[in-house]
PDB file of N, CA and C in Angstrom:
ATOM      1  N   MET A   1     -54.648 -45.330 102.978  1.00  0.00           N
ATOM      2  CA  MET A   1     -53.233 -45.035 102.901  1.00  0.00           C
ATOM      3  C   MET A   1     -52.612 -45.442 104.233  1.00  0.00           C
ATOM      4  N   THR A   2     -51.389 -45.864 104.174  1.00  0.00           N
ATOM      5  CA  THR A   2     -50.718 -46.321 105.383  1.00  0.00           C
ATOM      6  C   THR A   2     -50.239 -45.124 106.205  1.00  0.00           C
ATOM      7  N   PHE A   3     -49.802 -45.411 107.409  1.00  0.00           N
ATOM      8  CA  PHE A   3     -49.295 -44.360 108.290  1.00  0.00           C
ATOM      9  C   PHE A   3     -48.052 -43.706 107.692  1.00  0.00           C
ATOM     10  N   GLY A   4     -47.179 -44.499 107.084  1.00  0.00           N
ATOM     11  CA  GLY A   4     -45.980 -43.941 106.448  1.00  0.00           C
ATOM     12  C   GLY A   4     -46.322 -43.009 105.302  1.00  0.00           C
ATOM     13  N   GLY A   5     -47.344 -43.366 104.532  1.00  0.00           N
ATOM     14  CA  GLY A   5     -47.768 -42.489 103.437  1.00  0.00           C
ATOM     15  C   GLY A   5     -48.301 -41.165 103.940  1.00  0.00           C
ATOM     16  N   TRP A   6     -49.120 -41.220 104.993  1.00  0.00           N
ATOM     17  CA  TRP A   6     -49.638 -39.988 105.592  1.00  0.00           C
ATOM     18  C   TRP A   6     -48.499 -39.140 106.150  1.00  0.00           C
ATOM     19  N   LEU A   7     -47.539 -39.773 106.770  1.00  0.00           N
ATOM     20  CA  LEU A   7     -46.423 -39.039 107.360  1.00  0.00           C
ATOM     21  C   LEU A   7     -45.601 -38.335 106.287  1.00  0.00           C
ATOM     22  N   VAL A   8     -45.290 -39.035 105.219  1.00  0.00           N
ATOM     23  CA  VAL A   8     -44.520 -38.430 104.132  1.00  0.00           C
ATOM     24  C   VAL A   8     -45.308 -37.299 103.480  1.00  0.00           C
ATOM     25  N   MET A   9     -46.599 -37.493 103.267  1.00  0.00           N
ATOM     26  CA  MET A   9     -47.415 -36.459 102.640  1.00  0.00           C
ATOM     27  C   MET A   9     -47.507 -35.221 103.531  1.00  0.00           C
ATOM     28  N   ILE A  10     -47.732 -35.407 104.817  1.00  0.00           N
ATOM     29  CA  ILE A  10     -47.846 -34.265 105.728  1.00  0.00           C
ATOM     30  C   ILE A  10     -46.523 -33.520 105.836  1.00  0.00           C
ATOM     31  N   LEU A  11     -45.413 -34.242 105.903  1.00  0.00           N
ATOM     32  CA  LEU A  11     -44.108 -33.584 105.981  1.00  0.00           C
ATOM     33  C   LEU A  11     -43.774 -32.824 104.700  1.00  0.00           C
ATOM     34  N   SER A  12     -44.064 -33.391 103.557  1.00  0.00           N
ATOM     35  CA  SER A  12     -43.723 -32.710 102.308  1.00  0.00           C
ATOM     36  C   SER A  12     -44.614 -31.490 102.066  1.00  0.00           C
ATOM     37  N   VAL A  13     -45.912 -31.641 102.256  1.00  0.00           N
ATOM     38  CA  VAL A  13     -46.818 -30.507 102.064  1.00  0.00           C
ATOM     39  C   VAL A  13     -46.552 -29.434 103.114  1.00  0.00           C
ATOM     40  N   GLY A  14     -46.287 -29.849 104.328  1.00  0.00           N
ATOM     41  CA  GLY A  14     -45.988 -28.890 105.392  1.00  0.00           C
ATOM     42  C   GLY A  14     -44.703 -28.124 105.148  1.00  0.00           C
ATOM     43  N   SER A  15     -43.676 -28.810 104.642  1.00  0.00           N
ATOM     44  CA  SER A  15     -42.415 -28.114 104.398  1.00  0.00           C
ATOM     45  C   SER A  15     -42.537 -27.129 103.233  1.00  0.00           C
ATOM     46  N   VAL A  16     -43.251 -27.482 102.187  1.00  0.00           N
ATOM     47  CA  VAL A  16     -43.435 -26.563 101.066  1.00  0.00           C
ATOM     48  C   VAL A  16     -44.283 -25.366 101.489  1.00  0.00           C
ATOM     49  N   THR A  17     -45.322 -25.610 102.279  1.00  0.00           N
ATOM     50  CA  THR A  17     -46.156 -24.513 102.773  1.00  0.00           C
ATOM     51  C   THR A  17     -45.372 -23.608 103.713  1.00  0.00           C
ATOM     52  N   GLY A  18     -44.553 -24.195 104.564  1.00  0.00           N
ATOM     53  CA  GLY A  18     -43.709 -23.399 105.461  1.00  0.00           C
ATOM     54  C   GLY A  18     -42.697 -22.560 104.706  1.00  0.00           C
ATOM     55  N   LEU A  19     -42.101 -23.133 103.670  1.00  0.00           N
ATOM     56  CA  LEU A  19     -41.146 -22.382 102.864  1.00  0.00           C
ATOM     57  C   LEU A  19     -41.826 -21.224 102.140  1.00  0.00           C
ATOM     58  N   LEU A  20     -43.022 -21.456 101.620  1.00  0.00           N
ATOM     59  CA  LEU A  20     -43.776 -20.387 100.969  1.00  0.00           C
ATOM     60  C   LEU A  20     -44.112 -19.272 101.948  1.00  0.00           C
ATOM     61  N   ALA A  21     -44.567 -19.627 103.139  1.00  0.00           N
ATOM     62  CA  ALA A  21     -44.899 -18.618 104.157  1.00  0.00           C
ATOM     63  C   ALA A  21     -43.664 -17.836 104.571  1.00  0.00           C
ATOM     64  N   TRP A  22     -42.525 -18.512 104.715  1.00  0.00           N
ATOM     65  CA  TRP A  22     -41.288 -17.833 105.114  1.00  0.00           C
ATOM     66  C   TRP A  22     -40.824 -16.850 104.038  1.00  0.00           C
ATOM     67  N   THR A  23     -40.898 -17.246 102.764  1.00  0.00           N
ATOM     68  CA  THR A  23     -40.463 -16.344 101.710  1.00  0.00           C
ATOM     69  C   THR A  23     -41.388 -15.145 101.566  1.00  0.00           C
ATOM     70  N   ILE A  24     -42.689 -15.357 101.710  1.00  0.00           N
ATOM     71  CA  ILE A  24     -43.619 -14.232 101.656  1.00  0.00           C
ATOM     72  C   ILE A  24     -43.371 -13.291 102.826  1.00  0.00           C
ATOM     73  N   HIS A  25     -43.124 -13.832 103.995  1.00  0.00           N
ATOM     74  CA  HIS A  25     -42.824 -13.011 105.171  1.00  0.00           C
ATOM     75  C   HIS A  25     -41.548 -12.209 104.959  1.00  0.00           C
ATOM     76  N   ARG A  26     -40.523 -12.819 104.384  1.00  0.00           N
ATOM     77  CA  ARG A  26     -39.266 -12.112 104.136  1.00  0.00           C
ATOM     78  C   ARG A  26     -39.454 -10.974 103.129  1.00  0.00           C
ATOM     79  N   VAL A  27     -40.249 -11.204 102.113  1.00  0.00           N
ATOM     80  CA  VAL A  27     -40.471 -10.175 101.092  1.00  0.00           C
ATOM     81  C   VAL A  27     -41.251  -9.008 101.675  1.00  0.00           C
ATOM     82  N   ILE A  28     -42.253  -9.295 102.476  1.00  0.00           N
ATOM     83  CA  ILE A  28     -43.102  -8.236 103.020  1.00  0.00           C
ATOM     84  C   ILE A  28     -42.392  -7.458 104.118  1.00  0.00           C
ATOM     85  N   ARG A  29     -41.641  -8.118 104.961  1.00  0.00           N
ATOM     86  CA  ARG A  29     -41.065  -7.487 106.151  1.00  0.00           C
ATOM     87  C   ARG A  29     -39.655  -6.959 105.988  1.00  0.00           C
ATOM     88  N   THR A  30     -39.060  -7.015 104.801  1.00  0.00           N
ATOM     89  CA  THR A  30     -37.706  -6.521 104.608  1.00  0.00           C
ATOM     90  C   THR A  30     -37.712  -4.999 104.635  1.00  0.00           C
ATOM     91  N   PRO A  31     -36.998  -4.384 105.587  1.00  0.00           N
ATOM     92  CA  PRO A  31     -36.984  -2.922 105.644  1.00  0.00           C
ATOM     93  C   PRO A  31     -36.152  -2.341 104.500  1.00  0.00           C
ATOM     94  N   GLY A  32     -36.623  -1.263 103.938  1.00  0.00           N
ATOM     95  CA  GLY A  32     -35.918  -0.582 102.865  1.00  0.00           C
ATOM     96  C   GLY A  32     -35.943  -1.316 101.545  1.00  0.00           C
ATOM     97  N   ALA A  33     -36.879  -2.209 101.346  1.00  0.00           N
ATOM     98  CA  ALA A  33     -36.923  -2.982 100.106  1.00  0.00           C
ATOM     99  C   ALA A  33     -37.321  -2.121  98.913  1.00  0.00           C
ATOM    100  N   THR A  34     -38.006  -1.015  99.152  1.00  0.00           N
ATOM    101  CA  THR A  34     -38.444  -0.175  98.038  1.00  0.00           C
ATOM    102  C   THR A  34     -37.265   0.516  97.366  1.00  0.00           C
ATOM    103  N   GLU A  35     -36.145   0.706  98.067  1.00  0.00           N
ATOM    104  CA  GLU A  35     -34.976   1.319  97.444  1.00  0.00           C
ATOM    105  C   GLU A  35     -34.268   0.355  96.509  1.00  0.00           C
ATOM    106  N   HIS A  36     -34.525  -0.931  96.636  1.00  0.00           N
ATOM    107  CA  HIS A  36     -33.855  -1.932  95.812  1.00  0.00           C
ATOM    108  C   HIS A  36     -34.686  -2.340  94.601  1.00  0.00           C
ATOM    109  N   ILE A  37     -35.874  -1.785  94.464  1.00  0.00           N
ATOM    110  CA  ILE A  37     -36.724  -2.111  93.332  1.00  0.00           C
ATOM    111  C   ILE A  37     -36.379  -1.165  92.186  1.00  0.00           C
ATOM    112  N   HIS A  38     -36.027  -1.729  91.047  1.00  0.00           N
ATOM    113  CA  HIS A  38     -35.649  -0.930  89.894  1.00  0.00           C
ATOM    114  C   HIS A  38     -36.549  -1.270  88.722  1.00  0.00           C
ATOM    115  N   GLY A  39     -36.878  -0.246  87.983  1.00  0.00           N
ATOM    116  CA  GLY A  39     -37.636  -0.450  86.760  1.00  0.00           C
ATOM    117  C   GLY A  39     -36.698  -0.677  85.591  1.00  0.00           C
ATOM    118  N   GLU A  40     -37.266  -0.927  84.449  1.00  0.00           N
ATOM    119  CA  GLU A  40     -36.461  -1.205  83.269  1.00  0.00           C
ATOM    120  C   GLU A  40     -35.622  -0.003  82.862  1.00  0.00           C
ATOM    121  N   LEU A  41     -36.143   1.194  83.063  1.00  0.00           N
ATOM    122  CA  LEU A  41     -35.425   2.394  82.643  1.00  0.00           C
ATOM    123  C   LEU A  41     -34.402   2.864  83.678  1.00  0.00           C
ATOM    124  N   ASP A  42     -34.445   2.345  84.899  1.00  0.00           N
ATOM    125  CA  ASP A  42     -33.514   2.768  85.940  1.00  0.00           C
ATOM    126  C   ASP A  42     -32.161   2.079  85.847  1.00  0.00           C
ATOM    127  N   ILE A  43     -32.062   0.997  85.121  1.00  0.00           N
ATOM    128  CA  ILE A  43     -30.848   0.208  85.084  1.00  0.00           C
ATOM    129  C   ILE A  43     -29.965   0.706  83.942  1.00  0.00           C
ATOM    130  N   ASP A  44     -28.742   1.090  84.273  1.00  0.00           N
ATOM    131  CA  ASP A  44     -27.789   1.561  83.255  1.00  0.00           C
ATOM    132  C   ASP A  44     -26.825   0.422  82.945  1.00  0.00           C
ATOM    133  N   THR A  45     -26.914  -0.132  81.750  1.00  0.00           N
ATOM    134  CA  THR A  45     -26.057  -1.257  81.378  1.00  0.00           C
ATOM    135  C   THR A  45     -24.778  -0.818  80.694  1.00  0.00           C
ATOM    136  N   HIS A  46     -24.605   0.452  80.425  1.00  0.00           N
ATOM    137  CA  HIS A  46     -23.431   1.014  79.750  1.00  0.00           C
ATOM    138  C   HIS A  46     -23.177   0.350  78.404  1.00  0.00           C
ATOM    139  N   ASP A  47     -24.250  -0.008  77.686  1.00  0.00           N
ATOM    140  CA  ASP A  47     -24.097  -0.646  76.376  1.00  0.00           C
ATOM    141  C   ASP A  47     -23.665   0.356  75.296  1.00  0.00           C
ATOM    142  N   GLN A  48     -24.160   1.573  75.407  1.00  0.00           N
ATOM    143  CA  GLN A  48     -23.856   2.583  74.399  1.00  0.00           C
ATOM    144  C   GLN A  48     -23.059   3.698  75.050  1.00  0.00           C
ATOM    145  N   ASP A  49     -21.926   4.017  74.476  1.00  0.00           N
ATOM    146  CA  ASP A  49     -21.138   5.141  74.963  1.00  0.00           C
ATOM    147  C   ASP A  49     -21.538   6.390  74.180  1.00  0.00           C
ATOM    148  N   THR A  50     -22.143   7.339  74.868  1.00  0.00           N
ATOM    149  CA  THR A  50     -22.573   8.573  74.191  1.00  0.00           C
ATOM    150  C   THR A  50     -21.802   9.737  74.704  1.00  0.00           C
TER     151      THR A  50
END
């Protein structure tokens, strides 16, 4: 493979891996994230008026 091919491959794989690491870090390190997690029964859609 040529030098240009290696460069494009390393940049693309590196950027996708970096983006994955950044998103995992954001999900794990977000303070108070447990208060924003809702289950199916916690969400009130106001579909039925009782």
